[in-house]
Amino acid sequence: MSALVLLTAFHLLAKAQPGLSSSDPFILTDDGVFEVTSAHNNRAVYAVYEAKGDGVLTITVPGNINFMLYTDATYTTMAEDSRQPVWNNSYSPRAYELAVEKGNSYYLKDEFVMSTGIITTSFSKQAAALTLNAVTPSDGSKLNAGTAYIGLEFNRSVSCAAASIKGGNKEVALNIEGSGSTISLDARSALMQLYEQEAITEGSAIQVVLQGVCQQNNTSNLYNGDGIITLQYIADKRPIRIIATNNVPGGSPVDLQTFSSYFMKSDESKGIVQITFDAPVCFEEGYAPVAFIQYGSIENEMESYKETLLCLSTNDGKTIEVDFRGVRRTAKDMTPSSTNVYDNMVLGFTNVRGQDKAYAYSTGSGTQGSFYYNYAYEEVNYSPLVDLTPATGSKVQRGQDIEMWLCESGNKSVFTGARFTYEHNGDTITKDAAVRITADEFDKDAKIINITVPQIDADYEGEVTMMLTDLETPDGDTHDNVLTAKYVIDSTTGISTVHATSNAATSRIYDISGKQIPSASNRHQGNLIIVNGKKAICK
């Protein structure tokens, strides 16, 4: 039995794979070949390298193996970023370069390996030369200020000290954005400056110059030995640009900061947004601008709302106009399944182009021919108080006035008259009635609306509805509960009892003894009254 155990142990040791533990890592050499097998899959893989000289160790790996450098043989603390192996920006073969110094040990680990294949290593005194793999747009092509993003891709992580664009006798610095092996330059604003300074026109030669281009964390590995890259371009036609805005945050002449849940159709000073360009916008199919509003959470579909708006062309085609008015957009209208009310509404214009179909000049990050405006969002609160006279139980004769006392704080509703609707011999009949409006001398927020009852030949005991015609309220709701009244036919006089569809507490006003005050003319300033079940002083 003992011999069998020893034989089994010996067999297992013979089959053991290096790299599976910190105590038995792959021992990397200056020129080695190492196999990653299925035994390493879904596990951490360890390696160590003892540097025999100063230089660079290149590790070529299969699949997506990614060795990270650790500080010691415990493989618990990762080394700082500046010491980590540098990817060569290639997937086939995928290789990493590790700067090493003679006499030092380098501990490498991939936490979770999912590839099999061969790892090879090679040592050199210095890193491979930094090379430029691709440039977009290509050297020698046209450069347009509406789309002037320049991208350079290298064979390894790279950094750049400075960049500029030159045209005529002018030079403008460029902002540099880098990520790993790429350098990105947004030349839109700088190119537009050259147009405006008359340094360039369509067809002019342009130079883009990058300086101090080197391997990241290795300033001695300069591109082409001097770190300078010069790109040649040709100036395209200058794109159209915004010269005026209306009803956007920070715009002129009207500065609208807040997006309301309702913009009244009757208010032409708000709710119409215009952005005006220095030349006509293209409205051809496929090239026309697109406008939209977006509310809520982009990440959560249940909490997100997006609405496309109709874009109109005005001012000889130079202005894009959208109209917010006449549509209710409360939180419940937009995101009915949500209990949240968000603070912002975004207005966006995309695909804005000139007549030559080139994108308009815009400065938003990552945009082409796009413009975005961020409004604060608020819901409109409108709670009218209404009192109808004669009171319930009174009889109304043709030609007699019905008095509606309407109190509104803040924005006011608008209407053109009144309308009576009833059934007669199976037909629905409507009759319009004139209204006379006077201010309530005791309440600056109230007005008195007198409505003359027309001749009504309704069915016996039929119902007659009175409402305000062409009514628009500040919050876009009809408020039928207080702004619509119903009557019952009286067989002798034609119309009797007045019944407002609201509850009595919201449509009637009483004195302190509980007696209803039927007419606004009987409400005297300073008197104590009861409205909605609460005491108030008549103003």
Protein backbone atom coordinates (compact mmCIF):
# COMPACT_ATOMS: atom_id res chain seq x y z
CA MET A 1 0.00 0.00 0.00
CA SER A 2 2.82 2.42 0.89
CA ALA A 3 4.55 1.74 -2.40
CA LEU A 4 1.32 2.47 -4.27
CA VAL A 5 0.87 5.81 -2.49
CA LEU A 6 4.45 6.82 -3.27
CA LEU A 7 4.03 5.82 -6.90
CA THR A 8 0.83 7.85 -7.19
CA ALA A 9 2.48 10.89 -5.60
CA PHE A 10 5.46 10.59 -7.92
CA HIS A 11 3.09 10.37 -10.90
CA LEU A 12 1.19 13.53 -9.83
CA LEU A 13 4.44 15.45 -9.34
CA ALA A 14 5.58 14.45 -12.80
CA LYS A 15 2.35 15.79 -14.28
CA ALA A 16 2.30 19.05 -12.28
CA GLN A 17 2.02 22.22 -14.37
CA PRO A 18 4.17 25.30 -13.56
CA GLY A 19 2.44 28.67 -13.24
CA LEU A 20 -0.48 27.50 -11.12
CA SER A 21 0.74 28.89 -7.81
CA SER A 22 2.95 31.62 -6.38
CA SER A 23 5.35 28.91 -5.14
CA ASP A 24 5.64 27.34 -8.60
CA PRO A 25 5.42 30.16 -11.20
CA PHE A 26 6.54 30.12 -14.79
CA ILE A 27 10.25 31.05 -14.76
CA LEU A 28 10.54 33.52 -17.63
CA THR A 29 13.84 33.82 -19.53
CA ASP A 30 15.27 36.25 -22.05
CA ASP A 31 14.26 33.99 -24.93
CA GLY A 32 11.75 31.37 -23.80
CA VAL A 33 8.68 29.38 -24.80
CA PHE A 34 5.99 28.45 -22.25
CA GLU A 35 2.71 26.58 -22.70
CA VAL A 36 -0.62 27.55 -21.18
CA THR A 37 -2.85 24.46 -21.13
CA SER A 38 -6.41 23.69 -20.14
CA ALA A 39 -5.11 23.09 -16.62
CA HIS A 40 -4.52 26.86 -16.34
CA ASN A 41 -8.00 27.84 -17.51
CA ASN A 42 -10.29 29.63 -15.04
CA ARG A 43 -7.40 30.02 -12.63
CA ALA A 44 -4.73 32.57 -11.76
CA VAL A 45 -1.43 32.10 -13.61
CA TYR A 46 1.88 33.20 -12.06
CA ALA A 47 5.26 34.08 -13.60
CA VAL A 48 8.56 35.59 -12.45
CA TYR A 49 11.47 37.13 -14.34
CA GLU A 50 15.01 37.74 -13.08
CA ALA A 51 16.59 40.58 -15.10
CA LYS A 52 20.15 39.90 -16.29
CA GLY A 53 20.50 43.40 -17.70
CA ASP A 54 18.81 46.78 -18.25
CA GLY A 55 16.29 46.80 -21.11
CA VAL A 56 12.83 45.66 -22.15
CA LEU A 57 11.27 42.21 -21.82
CA THR A 58 8.62 41.55 -24.49
CA ILE A 59 5.99 38.96 -23.52
CA THR A 60 3.83 37.66 -26.39
CA VAL A 61 0.67 35.92 -25.17
CA PRO A 62 -2.20 33.90 -26.65
CA GLY A 63 -5.80 35.11 -26.50
CA ASN A 64 -6.53 37.80 -23.95
CA ILE A 65 -3.98 36.90 -21.27
CA ASN A 66 -2.96 40.07 -19.47
CA PHE A 67 -0.10 39.86 -16.96
CA MET A 68 0.00 42.54 -14.27
CA LEU A 69 3.11 43.41 -12.27
CA TYR A 70 3.16 42.82 -8.48
CA THR A 71 5.63 44.13 -5.92
CA ASP A 72 6.89 40.82 -4.45
CA ALA A 73 6.60 37.04 -4.43
CA THR A 74 3.37 37.12 -2.40
CA TYR A 75 1.53 38.47 -5.48
CA THR A 76 -0.80 40.50 -3.27
CA THR A 77 0.12 44.14 -3.97
CA MET A 78 -0.01 45.44 -7.52
CA ALA A 79 2.81 47.75 -8.65
CA GLU A 80 2.04 51.36 -9.60
CA ASP A 81 0.67 52.08 -13.08
CA SER A 82 3.91 53.58 -14.37
CA ARG A 83 5.67 50.21 -13.92
CA GLN A 84 2.99 48.01 -15.51
CA PRO A 85 3.65 46.17 -18.81
CA VAL A 86 2.67 48.22 -21.88
CA TRP A 87 0.37 46.66 -24.48
CA ASN A 88 1.56 46.86 -28.10
CA ASN A 89 -1.98 47.80 -29.28
CA SER A 90 -2.27 44.64 -31.35
CA TYR A 91 -4.53 41.62 -30.95
CA SER A 92 -2.52 39.33 -33.21
CA PRO A 93 -0.04 38.86 -31.78
CA ARG A 94 -0.88 40.41 -28.43
CA ALA A 95 2.33 41.48 -26.69
CA TYR A 96 3.39 43.47 -23.65
CA GLU A 97 6.65 45.29 -22.96
CA LEU A 98 8.06 45.42 -19.45
CA ALA A 99 10.90 47.83 -18.64
CA VAL A 100 13.44 45.99 -16.43
CA GLU A 101 16.66 46.74 -14.56
CA LYS A 102 19.54 44.36 -14.00
CA GLY A 103 19.38 42.32 -10.77
CA ASN A 104 15.67 42.97 -10.07
CA SER A 105 12.90 40.36 -9.88
CA TYR A 106 9.53 40.98 -11.60
CA TYR A 107 6.43 39.15 -10.39
CA LEU A 108 3.60 38.82 -12.94
CA LYS A 109 0.10 37.39 -12.56
CA ASP A 110 -3.14 37.11 -14.53
CA GLU A 111 -6.00 36.70 -12.04
CA PHE A 112 -8.21 34.62 -14.36
CA VAL A 113 -6.91 32.96 -17.52
CA MET A 114 -9.36 31.86 -20.22
CA SER A 115 -6.94 31.11 -23.08
CA THR A 116 -4.56 28.33 -24.02
CA GLY A 117 -1.48 28.46 -26.21
CA ILE A 118 2.17 29.49 -26.23
CA ILE A 119 3.78 32.36 -24.32
CA THR A 120 7.09 33.58 -25.75
CA THR A 121 9.57 36.05 -24.27
CA SER A 122 12.37 38.12 -25.76
CA PHE A 123 14.78 40.66 -24.29
CA SER A 124 16.22 43.78 -25.94
CA LYS A 125 18.24 46.72 -24.74
CA GLN A 126 15.52 49.20 -25.70
CA ALA A 127 11.81 49.24 -26.56
CA ALA A 128 10.66 48.80 -30.15
CA ALA A 129 10.28 52.03 -32.09
CA LEU A 130 7.05 53.98 -31.69
CA THR A 131 5.14 53.75 -34.97
CA LEU A 132 2.04 55.50 -36.32
CA ASN A 133 -0.46 52.91 -37.54
CA ALA A 134 -3.33 55.08 -38.78
CA VAL A 135 -4.54 58.70 -39.12
CA THR A 136 -8.19 59.80 -39.49
CA PRO A 137 -8.98 61.76 -41.63
CA SER A 138 -6.09 60.69 -43.83
CA ASP A 139 -3.18 63.00 -44.53
CA GLY A 140 -3.97 65.28 -47.50
CA SER A 141 -7.78 65.15 -47.23
CA LYS A 142 -10.23 68.01 -46.65
CA LEU A 143 -10.81 69.28 -43.13
CA ASN A 144 -14.20 70.75 -42.21
CA ALA A 145 -14.83 72.77 -39.05
CA GLY A 146 -18.10 70.93 -38.49
CA THR A 147 -16.41 67.52 -38.31
CA ALA A 148 -12.76 68.30 -37.61
CA TYR A 149 -11.84 65.46 -35.28
CA ILE A 150 -8.34 64.10 -35.92
CA GLY A 151 -7.37 60.68 -34.57
CA LEU A 152 -3.92 59.06 -34.53
CA GLU A 153 -3.36 55.41 -33.59
CA PHE A 154 0.06 54.06 -32.56
CA ASN A 155 1.60 50.67 -31.83
CA ARG A 156 1.79 51.32 -28.09
CA SER A 157 0.58 53.67 -25.37
CA VAL A 158 1.57 57.19 -26.28
CA SER A 159 1.62 60.74 -24.98
CA CYS A 160 1.83 64.13 -26.70
CA ALA A 161 3.18 67.37 -25.24
CA ALA A 162 1.54 69.91 -27.60
CA ALA A 163 -0.47 70.24 -30.81
CA SER A 164 -1.51 73.14 -33.03
CA ILE A 165 -3.16 73.92 -36.35
CA LYS A 166 -1.65 76.40 -38.81
CA GLY A 167 -3.27 78.29 -41.66
CA GLY A 168 -1.80 81.27 -43.50
CA ASN A 169 0.15 83.28 -40.94
CA LYS A 170 -1.99 82.14 -37.97
CA GLU A 171 -1.52 79.28 -35.53
CA VAL A 172 -4.03 78.04 -32.93
CA ALA A 173 -3.31 75.54 -30.14
CA LEU A 174 -5.34 72.32 -30.03
CA ASN A 175 -6.62 70.44 -27.02
CA ILE A 176 -5.18 66.94 -26.76
CA GLU A 177 -7.09 63.91 -25.55
CA GLY A 178 -5.25 60.62 -25.25
CA SER A 179 -6.28 57.12 -24.31
CA GLY A 180 -3.75 54.30 -24.43
CA SER A 181 -2.39 54.09 -27.94
CA THR A 182 -4.54 56.86 -29.46
CA ILE A 183 -4.33 60.64 -29.62
CA SER A 184 -7.49 62.64 -30.39
CA LEU A 185 -7.56 66.28 -31.47
CA ASP A 186 -10.78 68.32 -31.67
CA ALA A 187 -9.87 70.98 -34.24
CA ARG A 188 -13.37 72.41 -34.82
CA SER A 189 -13.08 75.56 -32.71
CA ALA A 190 -9.49 76.29 -33.80
CA LEU A 191 -10.35 75.81 -37.47
CA MET A 192 -13.33 78.17 -37.14
CA GLN A 193 -11.02 80.78 -35.61
CA LEU A 194 -8.80 80.57 -38.69
CA TYR A 195 -11.85 81.16 -40.92
CA GLU A 196 -13.01 84.13 -38.84
CA GLN A 197 -9.51 85.65 -38.80
CA GLU A 198 -9.49 85.28 -42.60
CA ALA A 199 -6.32 83.23 -42.33
CA ILE A 200 -7.89 80.52 -44.49
CA THR A 201 -10.66 80.11 -47.04
CA GLU A 202 -11.99 77.10 -48.89
CA GLY A 203 -9.06 75.32 -50.53
CA SER A 204 -6.35 76.78 -48.29
CA ALA A 205 -3.49 74.58 -47.08
CA ILE A 206 -3.57 73.61 -43.39
CA GLN A 207 -0.93 72.02 -41.20
CA VAL A 208 -1.54 70.10 -37.98
CA VAL A 209 1.63 69.74 -35.92
CA LEU A 210 2.12 67.46 -32.90
CA GLN A 211 5.19 67.83 -30.69
CA GLY A 212 6.69 65.70 -27.95
CA VAL A 213 5.06 62.49 -29.21
CA CYS A 214 6.63 59.63 -27.29
CA GLN A 215 5.94 56.30 -25.68
CA GLN A 216 3.92 56.79 -22.53
CA ASN A 217 6.13 56.69 -19.44
CA ASN A 218 9.22 56.54 -21.65
CA THR A 219 10.04 60.02 -22.95
CA SER A 220 13.28 58.76 -24.50
CA ASN A 221 11.31 56.69 -27.04
CA LEU A 222 10.32 59.65 -29.25
CA TYR A 223 8.38 59.19 -32.44
CA ASN A 224 10.79 59.28 -35.42
CA GLY A 225 13.58 60.33 -33.05
CA ASP A 226 12.35 63.92 -32.58
CA GLY A 227 8.72 63.44 -31.44
CA ILE A 228 7.28 65.65 -34.22
CA ILE A 229 4.38 64.69 -36.51
CA THR A 230 3.17 67.03 -39.28
CA LEU A 231 -0.10 66.39 -41.09
CA GLN A 232 -1.20 68.25 -44.24
CA TYR A 233 -4.86 69.07 -44.94
CA ILE A 234 -6.99 71.25 -47.23
CA ALA A 235 -9.59 73.65 -45.82
CA ASP A 236 -13.14 72.69 -46.73
CA LYS A 237 -15.96 75.24 -47.13
CA ARG A 238 -16.73 76.99 -43.84
CA PRO A 239 -19.83 75.38 -42.24
CA ILE A 240 -22.90 77.33 -41.17
CA ARG A 241 -22.92 78.48 -37.56
CA ILE A 242 -25.41 79.79 -35.00
CA ILE A 243 -25.67 83.59 -34.79
CA ALA A 244 -28.77 83.91 -32.55
CA THR A 245 -31.04 81.84 -30.31
CA ASN A 246 -34.43 82.43 -28.74
CA ASN A 247 -35.92 80.78 -25.64
CA VAL A 248 -32.98 78.56 -24.79
CA PRO A 249 -30.91 78.77 -21.59
CA GLY A 250 -28.36 81.54 -22.05
CA GLY A 251 -29.94 82.58 -25.35
CA SER A 252 -30.95 85.97 -26.67
CA PRO A 253 -33.08 88.01 -26.96
CA VAL A 254 -35.30 85.84 -24.73
CA ASP A 255 -33.62 83.75 -22.07
CA LEU A 256 -35.84 80.80 -21.06
CA GLN A 257 -34.30 78.80 -18.23
CA THR A 258 -37.26 76.66 -17.18
CA PHE A 259 -39.26 74.11 -19.15
CA SER A 260 -42.86 74.13 -17.89
CA SER A 261 -45.18 71.14 -17.96
CA TYR A 262 -47.47 73.28 -20.13
CA PHE A 263 -46.91 76.28 -22.38
CA MET A 264 -50.15 78.05 -23.26
CA LYS A 265 -50.95 78.40 -26.97
CA SER A 266 -52.08 81.93 -26.26
CA ASP A 267 -48.63 82.93 -24.93
CA GLU A 268 -46.46 83.62 -27.98
CA SER A 269 -43.56 84.97 -25.92
CA LYS A 270 -42.73 81.54 -24.48
CA GLY A 271 -42.65 78.02 -25.77
CA ILE A 272 -41.32 78.80 -29.25
CA VAL A 273 -37.61 78.05 -29.61
CA GLN A 274 -35.52 79.36 -32.48
CA ILE A 275 -31.90 78.83 -33.43
CA THR A 276 -30.70 81.02 -36.28
CA PHE A 277 -27.67 80.39 -38.53
CA ASP A 278 -25.65 82.65 -40.76
CA ALA A 279 -26.81 80.79 -43.89
CA PRO A 280 -29.78 78.57 -44.86
CA VAL A 281 -30.20 75.16 -43.24
CA CYS A 282 -30.78 72.06 -45.39
CA PHE A 283 -34.34 70.73 -44.99
CA GLU A 284 -34.15 68.07 -47.72
CA GLU A 285 -35.38 64.60 -46.82
CA GLY A 286 -32.61 62.63 -45.17
CA TYR A 287 -30.62 65.78 -44.42
CA ALA A 288 -33.20 67.77 -42.46
CA PRO A 289 -32.56 68.65 -38.81
CA VAL A 290 -34.14 66.55 -36.07
CA ALA A 291 -35.34 68.05 -32.78
CA PHE A 292 -36.40 66.26 -29.62
CA ILE A 293 -36.92 66.70 -25.90
CA GLN A 294 -35.73 64.11 -23.38
CA TYR A 295 -36.80 63.74 -19.76
CA GLY A 296 -36.05 61.34 -16.93
CA SER A 297 -33.45 58.60 -16.69
CA ILE A 298 -31.64 57.51 -19.86
CA GLU A 299 -30.56 54.26 -18.18
CA ASN A 300 -34.05 53.18 -17.06
CA GLU A 301 -36.59 52.75 -19.87
CA MET A 302 -39.51 52.96 -17.42
CA GLU A 303 -38.23 56.33 -16.24
CA SER A 304 -37.31 57.75 -19.65
CA TYR A 305 -39.30 59.92 -22.07
CA LYS A 306 -38.27 61.15 -25.50
CA GLU A 307 -40.46 63.14 -27.87
CA THR A 308 -39.59 64.17 -31.43
CA LEU A 309 -40.61 67.73 -32.27
CA LEU A 310 -41.60 69.20 -35.62
CA CYS A 311 -38.84 71.41 -37.06
CA LEU A 312 -40.08 74.42 -39.01
CA SER A 313 -37.98 76.51 -41.38
CA THR A 314 -38.30 80.28 -41.05
CA ASN A 315 -36.31 83.43 -41.84
CA ASP A 316 -35.50 82.36 -45.44
CA GLY A 317 -34.45 78.95 -44.19
CA LYS A 318 -31.84 80.26 -41.76
CA THR A 319 -33.87 79.54 -38.61
CA ILE A 320 -34.98 76.23 -37.12
CA GLU A 321 -38.13 76.66 -35.03
CA VAL A 322 -39.84 74.26 -32.63
CA ASP A 323 -43.01 74.86 -30.64
CA PHE A 324 -43.50 73.50 -27.10
CA ARG A 325 -46.99 75.00 -26.73
CA GLY A 326 -50.32 73.25 -26.36
CA VAL A 327 -49.08 69.87 -25.06
CA ARG A 328 -49.29 68.75 -21.42
CA ARG A 329 -46.03 67.22 -20.25
CA THR A 330 -46.41 66.51 -16.55
CA ALA A 331 -44.26 63.79 -15.02
CA LYS A 332 -47.28 61.46 -15.08
CA ASP A 333 -47.96 62.27 -18.74
CA MET A 334 -44.38 61.43 -19.70
CA THR A 335 -43.46 58.61 -17.31
CA PRO A 336 -46.78 57.23 -16.03
CA SER A 337 -45.18 54.20 -14.33
CA SER A 338 -42.75 56.34 -12.33
CA THR A 339 -43.20 58.09 -9.00
CA ASN A 340 -40.22 60.39 -9.60
CA VAL A 341 -40.25 63.97 -10.84
CA TYR A 342 -36.92 64.83 -12.46
CA ASP A 343 -35.34 68.27 -12.37
CA ASN A 344 -34.25 68.64 -15.99
CA MET A 345 -35.51 68.61 -19.56
CA VAL A 346 -33.04 68.39 -22.45
CA LEU A 347 -33.75 69.92 -25.86
CA GLY A 348 -31.63 68.51 -28.66
CA PHE A 349 -31.09 69.39 -32.33
CA THR A 350 -29.21 66.83 -34.43
CA ASN A 351 -28.24 66.39 -38.08
CA VAL A 352 -28.13 70.16 -38.67
CA ARG A 353 -26.52 70.81 -42.06
CA GLY A 354 -25.99 73.64 -44.50
CA GLN A 355 -27.26 73.70 -48.07
CA ASP A 356 -24.09 71.86 -49.12
CA LYS A 357 -25.14 69.07 -46.69
CA ALA A 358 -22.03 69.64 -44.54
CA TYR A 359 -22.65 69.55 -40.79
CA ALA A 360 -23.17 72.84 -39.00
CA TYR A 361 -20.43 74.05 -36.70
CA SER A 362 -21.02 72.95 -33.12
CA THR A 363 -18.77 72.75 -30.08
CA GLY A 364 -20.46 70.06 -27.98
CA SER A 365 -18.22 67.18 -26.98
CA GLY A 366 -18.39 64.34 -29.47
CA THR A 367 -21.11 65.97 -31.60
CA GLN A 368 -21.40 66.75 -35.32
CA GLY A 369 -24.08 69.22 -36.33
CA SER A 370 -25.74 68.81 -32.93
CA PHE A 371 -26.82 71.26 -30.24
CA TYR A 372 -28.13 70.52 -26.76
CA TYR A 373 -29.82 72.77 -24.19
CA ASN A 374 -30.54 71.82 -20.59
CA TYR A 375 -33.62 73.36 -18.92
CA ALA A 376 -34.78 73.19 -15.34
CA TYR A 377 -38.13 71.38 -15.29
CA GLU A 378 -41.19 72.42 -13.30
CA GLU A 379 -44.84 71.43 -13.21
CA VAL A 380 -47.42 74.21 -13.49
CA ASN A 381 -49.77 74.50 -10.50
CA TYR A 382 -53.20 75.91 -11.31
CA SER A 383 -56.09 75.65 -8.81
CA PRO A 384 -58.98 77.96 -9.73
CA LEU A 385 -61.73 78.86 -7.27
CA VAL A 386 -65.21 79.22 -8.80
CA ASP A 387 -68.53 80.46 -7.42
CA LEU A 388 -71.72 80.29 -9.54
CA THR A 389 -74.77 82.50 -8.96
CA PRO A 390 -77.77 81.81 -8.84
CA ALA A 391 -77.20 79.16 -6.26
CA THR A 392 -78.45 75.62 -6.38
CA GLY A 393 -82.24 75.56 -6.34
CA SER A 394 -82.72 78.89 -8.06
CA LYS A 395 -84.59 79.17 -11.33
CA VAL A 396 -83.01 80.75 -14.37
CA GLN A 397 -85.01 82.48 -17.11
CA ARG A 398 -83.98 83.05 -20.72
CA GLY A 399 -82.17 86.37 -20.91
CA GLN A 400 -81.13 86.23 -17.26
CA ASP A 401 -77.42 86.36 -16.34
CA ILE A 402 -75.48 83.56 -14.72
CA GLU A 403 -72.59 84.97 -12.73
CA MET A 404 -69.33 83.02 -12.51
CA TRP A 405 -66.81 84.32 -9.98
CA LEU A 406 -63.38 83.01 -11.00
CA CYS A 407 -60.32 83.43 -8.78
CA GLU A 408 -56.89 82.49 -10.24
CA SER A 409 -53.49 83.11 -8.70
CA GLY A 410 -50.51 83.31 -11.04
CA ASN A 411 -51.18 82.74 -14.75
CA LYS A 412 -54.77 83.14 -15.93
CA SER A 413 -56.94 81.00 -18.19
CA VAL A 414 -58.18 82.32 -21.53
CA PHE A 415 -61.51 81.75 -23.32
CA THR A 416 -63.68 83.41 -25.97
CA GLY A 417 -67.19 83.00 -24.58
CA ALA A 418 -69.61 80.45 -23.16
CA ARG A 419 -71.56 77.56 -24.68
CA PHE A 420 -74.70 75.67 -23.66
CA THR A 421 -75.06 72.05 -24.81
CA TYR A 422 -78.23 69.97 -24.55
CA GLU A 423 -80.32 67.22 -26.20
CA HIS A 424 -83.46 68.00 -28.23
CA ASN A 425 -85.43 65.35 -30.13
CA GLY A 426 -82.40 63.04 -30.12
CA ASP A 427 -80.00 65.68 -31.46
CA THR A 428 -77.19 67.39 -29.59
CA ILE A 429 -77.67 71.15 -29.77
CA THR A 430 -75.12 73.82 -28.87
CA LYS A 431 -75.78 77.51 -28.41
CA ASP A 432 -73.09 80.07 -27.83
CA ALA A 433 -73.59 82.89 -25.38
CA ALA A 434 -71.83 86.20 -24.99
CA VAL A 435 -69.91 86.94 -21.80
CA ARG A 436 -69.12 90.16 -20.00
CA ILE A 437 -66.04 90.24 -17.79
CA THR A 438 -65.35 92.70 -14.98
CA ALA A 439 -62.61 92.76 -12.39
CA ASP A 440 -63.44 91.97 -8.78
CA GLU A 441 -62.72 95.21 -6.93
CA PHE A 442 -62.09 93.28 -3.73
CA ASP A 443 -59.70 90.63 -5.08
CA LYS A 444 -56.98 91.39 -7.62
CA ASP A 445 -56.79 87.69 -8.60
CA ALA A 446 -60.53 87.38 -9.31
CA LYS A 447 -62.90 88.39 -12.07
CA ILE A 448 -66.67 88.21 -12.55
CA ILE A 449 -68.01 86.59 -15.71
CA ASN A 450 -71.62 87.30 -16.61
CA ILE A 451 -73.21 84.83 -19.05
CA THR A 452 -76.62 85.52 -20.57
CA VAL A 453 -78.84 82.44 -20.85
CA PRO A 454 -80.07 81.90 -24.45
CA GLN A 455 -83.37 80.35 -25.53
CA ILE A 456 -83.07 76.62 -24.88
CA ASP A 457 -85.65 74.08 -26.04
CA ALA A 458 -84.25 71.02 -24.35
CA ASP A 459 -85.94 67.66 -23.85
CA TYR A 460 -88.13 67.49 -20.75
CA GLU A 461 -85.96 66.94 -17.66
CA GLY A 462 -82.91 66.90 -19.92
CA GLU A 463 -79.54 68.15 -18.81
CA VAL A 464 -77.97 71.39 -20.02
CA THR A 465 -74.21 71.86 -19.74
CA MET A 466 -72.59 75.26 -19.62
CA MET A 467 -68.86 75.63 -20.31
CA LEU A 468 -66.41 78.29 -21.40
CA THR A 469 -65.57 78.10 -25.12
CA ASP A 470 -62.01 77.78 -26.47
CA LEU A 471 -60.89 77.45 -22.87
CA GLU A 472 -57.18 77.09 -22.17
CA THR A 473 -55.89 76.92 -18.63
CA PRO A 474 -52.27 77.54 -17.52
CA ASP A 475 -51.69 73.84 -16.75
CA GLY A 476 -53.45 72.52 -19.88
CA ASP A 477 -56.16 70.69 -17.89
CA THR A 478 -59.87 71.31 -18.57
CA HIS A 479 -60.74 71.53 -14.85
CA ASP A 480 -64.28 70.33 -15.64
CA ASN A 481 -64.92 69.88 -11.94
CA VAL A 482 -65.08 73.66 -11.42
CA LEU A 483 -65.21 75.33 -14.84
CA THR A 484 -68.21 73.36 -16.19
CA ALA A 485 -71.72 73.69 -14.79
CA LYS A 486 -74.85 71.57 -15.34
CA TYR A 487 -78.53 72.59 -15.19
CA VAL A 488 -81.81 70.67 -15.08
CA ILE A 489 -84.78 71.67 -17.26
CA ASP A 490 -87.75 73.30 -15.52
CA SER A 491 -90.98 72.43 -17.30
CA THR A 492 -92.42 75.90 -16.72
CA THR A 493 -89.49 78.26 -17.23
CA GLY A 494 -87.14 76.20 -19.39
CA ILE A 495 -84.14 75.97 -17.03
CA SER A 496 -83.83 75.54 -13.29
CA THR A 497 -81.40 74.29 -10.74
CA VAL A 498 -77.75 75.22 -11.24
CA HIS A 499 -75.37 72.38 -10.31
CA ALA A 500 -71.60 72.90 -10.58
CA THR A 501 -69.82 69.61 -11.13
CA SER A 502 -67.30 70.46 -8.42
CA ASN A 503 -67.94 69.64 -4.80
CA ALA A 504 -69.58 72.39 -2.77
CA ALA A 505 -66.48 73.15 -0.74
CA THR A 506 -64.50 74.22 -3.81
CA SER A 507 -67.24 76.09 -5.75
CA ARG A 508 -69.10 78.02 -3.01
CA ILE A 509 -68.13 80.78 -0.61
CA TYR A 510 -69.85 81.30 2.74
CA ASP A 511 -69.93 83.91 5.47
CA ILE A 512 -68.85 83.14 9.04
CA SER A 513 -72.39 82.04 10.00
CA GLY A 514 -72.40 79.40 7.27
CA LYS A 515 -74.71 81.27 4.91
CA GLN A 516 -73.68 81.14 1.23
CA ILE A 517 -72.61 84.46 -0.30
CA PRO A 518 -74.26 84.25 -3.72
CA SER A 519 -72.74 87.20 -5.54
CA ALA A 520 -69.28 88.71 -5.81
CA SER A 521 -70.85 92.12 -5.34
CA ASN A 522 -71.91 91.11 -1.84
CA ARG A 523 -68.36 90.20 -0.74
CA HIS A 524 -66.98 93.21 1.12
CA GLN A 525 -63.32 93.85 1.72
CA GLY A 526 -62.19 92.86 5.18
CA ASN A 527 -65.06 90.47 5.79
CA LEU A 528 -64.28 87.02 7.14
CA ILE A 529 -65.33 84.32 4.65
CA ILE A 530 -65.01 80.52 4.34
CA VAL A 531 -63.47 79.04 1.16
CA ASN A 532 -62.76 75.31 0.80
CA GLY A 533 -63.72 74.89 4.43
CA LYS A 534 -61.02 77.35 5.55
CA LYS A 535 -61.34 80.88 6.93
CA ALA A 536 -60.03 83.76 4.80
CA ILE A 537 -60.24 87.55 4.68
CA CYS A 538 -62.03 88.94 1.62
CA LYS A 539 -59.62 91.14 -0.32
